[in-house]
Protein backbone atom coordinates (compact mmCIF):
# COMPACT_ATOMS: atom_id res chain seq x y z
CA MET A 1 -37.03 -54.63 -1.73
CA ASN A 2 -34.03 -54.64 0.55
CA LEU A 3 -34.03 -52.28 3.58
CA MET A 4 -30.56 -50.96 2.64
CA THR A 5 -31.80 -50.04 -0.85
CA ILE A 6 -34.72 -48.09 0.61
CA VAL A 7 -32.41 -46.15 2.96
CA LEU A 8 -29.93 -45.32 0.18
CA ASN A 9 -32.72 -44.13 -2.14
CA ALA A 10 -34.25 -42.00 0.61
CA GLN A 11 -30.99 -40.16 1.35
CA GLY A 12 -30.14 -39.27 -2.22
CA GLY A 13 -27.76 -36.49 -3.27
CA GLY A 14 -24.80 -37.34 -1.05
CA TYR A 15 -22.24 -36.22 -3.59
CA GLU A 16 -24.30 -33.29 -4.77
CA MET A 17 -24.40 -31.85 -1.25
CA LEU A 18 -20.65 -32.30 -0.88
CA ILE A 19 -19.98 -30.62 -4.21
CA MET A 20 -22.29 -27.73 -3.27
CA MET A 21 -20.42 -27.22 0.03
CA VAL A 22 -17.06 -27.19 -1.78
CA VAL A 23 -18.38 -24.65 -4.31
CA ILE A 24 -19.70 -22.39 -1.53
CA PHE A 25 -16.35 -22.55 0.29
CA ALA A 26 -14.48 -21.75 -2.95
CA ILE A 27 -16.71 -18.73 -3.59
CA MET A 28 -16.18 -17.49 -0.03
CA TYR A 29 -12.42 -17.93 -0.40
CA PHE A 30 -12.12 -16.03 -3.67
CA PHE A 31 -14.50 -13.20 -2.76
CA MET A 32 -13.79 -12.72 0.95
CA ILE A 33 -10.65 -14.38 2.30
CA ARG A 34 -8.21 -13.89 -0.58
CA PRO A 35 -8.82 -10.13 -1.03
CA GLN A 36 -8.44 -9.62 2.72
CA GLN A 37 -5.09 -11.43 2.67
CA LYS A 38 -3.90 -9.26 -0.23
CA LYS A 39 -4.96 -6.10 1.61
CA GLN A 40 -3.16 -7.27 4.76
CA LYS A 41 0.06 -7.84 2.78
CA GLU A 42 -0.18 -4.32 1.29
CA ILE A 43 -0.65 -2.79 4.74
CA GLN A 44 2.31 -4.73 6.13
CA LYS A 45 4.48 -3.66 3.17
CA PHE A 46 3.48 -0.01 3.78
CA ARG A 47 4.30 -0.21 7.50
CA ASN A 48 7.68 -1.79 6.79
CA SER A 49 8.50 1.02 4.33
CA LEU A 50 7.82 3.90 6.75
CA ALA A 51 10.58 6.51 6.58
CA VAL A 52 11.56 9.74 8.28
CA GLY A 53 9.77 12.76 6.81
CA GLN A 54 6.58 11.00 5.69
CA ASP A 55 3.28 12.68 6.54
CA ILE A 56 1.01 10.04 8.04
CA VAL A 57 -2.30 9.58 9.83
CA THR A 58 -2.70 7.14 12.72
CA ALA A 59 -5.64 4.81 13.29
CA GLY A 60 -6.83 7.26 15.95
CA GLY A 61 -6.98 10.09 13.41
CA ILE A 62 -3.83 11.95 14.50
CA TYR A 63 -1.96 13.62 11.64
CA GLY A 64 1.78 14.09 11.86
CA LYS A 65 5.22 13.73 10.34
CA ILE A 66 7.55 10.83 11.11
CA LYS A 67 10.70 12.03 12.88
CA GLU A 68 12.20 8.69 13.88
CA VAL A 69 11.67 5.02 13.01
CA ASN A 70 12.63 2.35 15.53
CA ASP A 71 12.48 -1.12 13.97
CA ALA A 72 13.74 -2.81 17.15
CA ASP A 73 10.55 -2.12 19.12
CA ASN A 74 8.31 -1.55 16.07
CA THR A 75 7.52 2.10 16.84
CA VAL A 76 7.76 5.50 15.17
CA MET A 77 8.18 8.96 16.67
CA VAL A 78 5.58 11.29 15.15
CA GLU A 79 5.66 15.09 15.37
CA ILE A 80 2.05 16.27 15.62
CA ALA A 81 2.81 19.96 16.26
CA SER A 82 5.94 22.08 16.45
CA GLY A 83 8.02 20.49 19.19
CA VAL A 84 5.31 17.96 20.18
CA LYS A 85 6.31 14.36 19.50
CA ILE A 86 4.50 11.15 20.33
CA LYS A 87 5.68 7.57 20.12
CA VAL A 88 3.23 5.23 18.38
CA SER A 89 3.29 1.63 17.27
CA LYS A 90 3.81 0.99 13.57
CA ASN A 91 0.61 -1.05 13.67
CA SER A 92 -1.38 2.10 14.48
CA VAL A 93 -0.08 3.98 11.42
CA TYR A 94 -3.04 3.95 9.07
CA ALA A 95 -2.05 5.72 5.88
CA ASN A 96 0.32 8.03 4.09
CA ILE A 97 -1.32 11.46 3.75
CA GLU A 98 -0.06 11.97 0.18
CA ALA A 99 -1.70 8.70 -0.85
CA THR A 100 -5.07 9.47 0.76
CA VAL A 101 -5.49 13.18 -0.01
CA PRO A 102 -4.86 14.47 -3.54
CA GLY A 103 -2.10 17.07 -3.38
CA GLY A 104 -1.09 16.25 0.22
CA LYS A 105 -2.21 18.53 3.06
């Protein structure tokens, strides 16, 4: 028997291993990566649609009402109490209160 034949028979399953790796990657893509990309697009769409008067909650847990939206520097002015306003990045706006709590506040 030829030495090359022995080596090729000993390795075995070259294509099967490759196919298995492709299948594992496809499963990871459809169950992990793709849903995360969809969620990220939804969040970006929400942040781009922020408007004055919306009740929101920030990533830090601060509840307030949007008083001003500044698209130039990607910030919003949020009133957290009567006369108390803070400037936060749009990226730190987590959710719309009406969407997270049934019936609003």
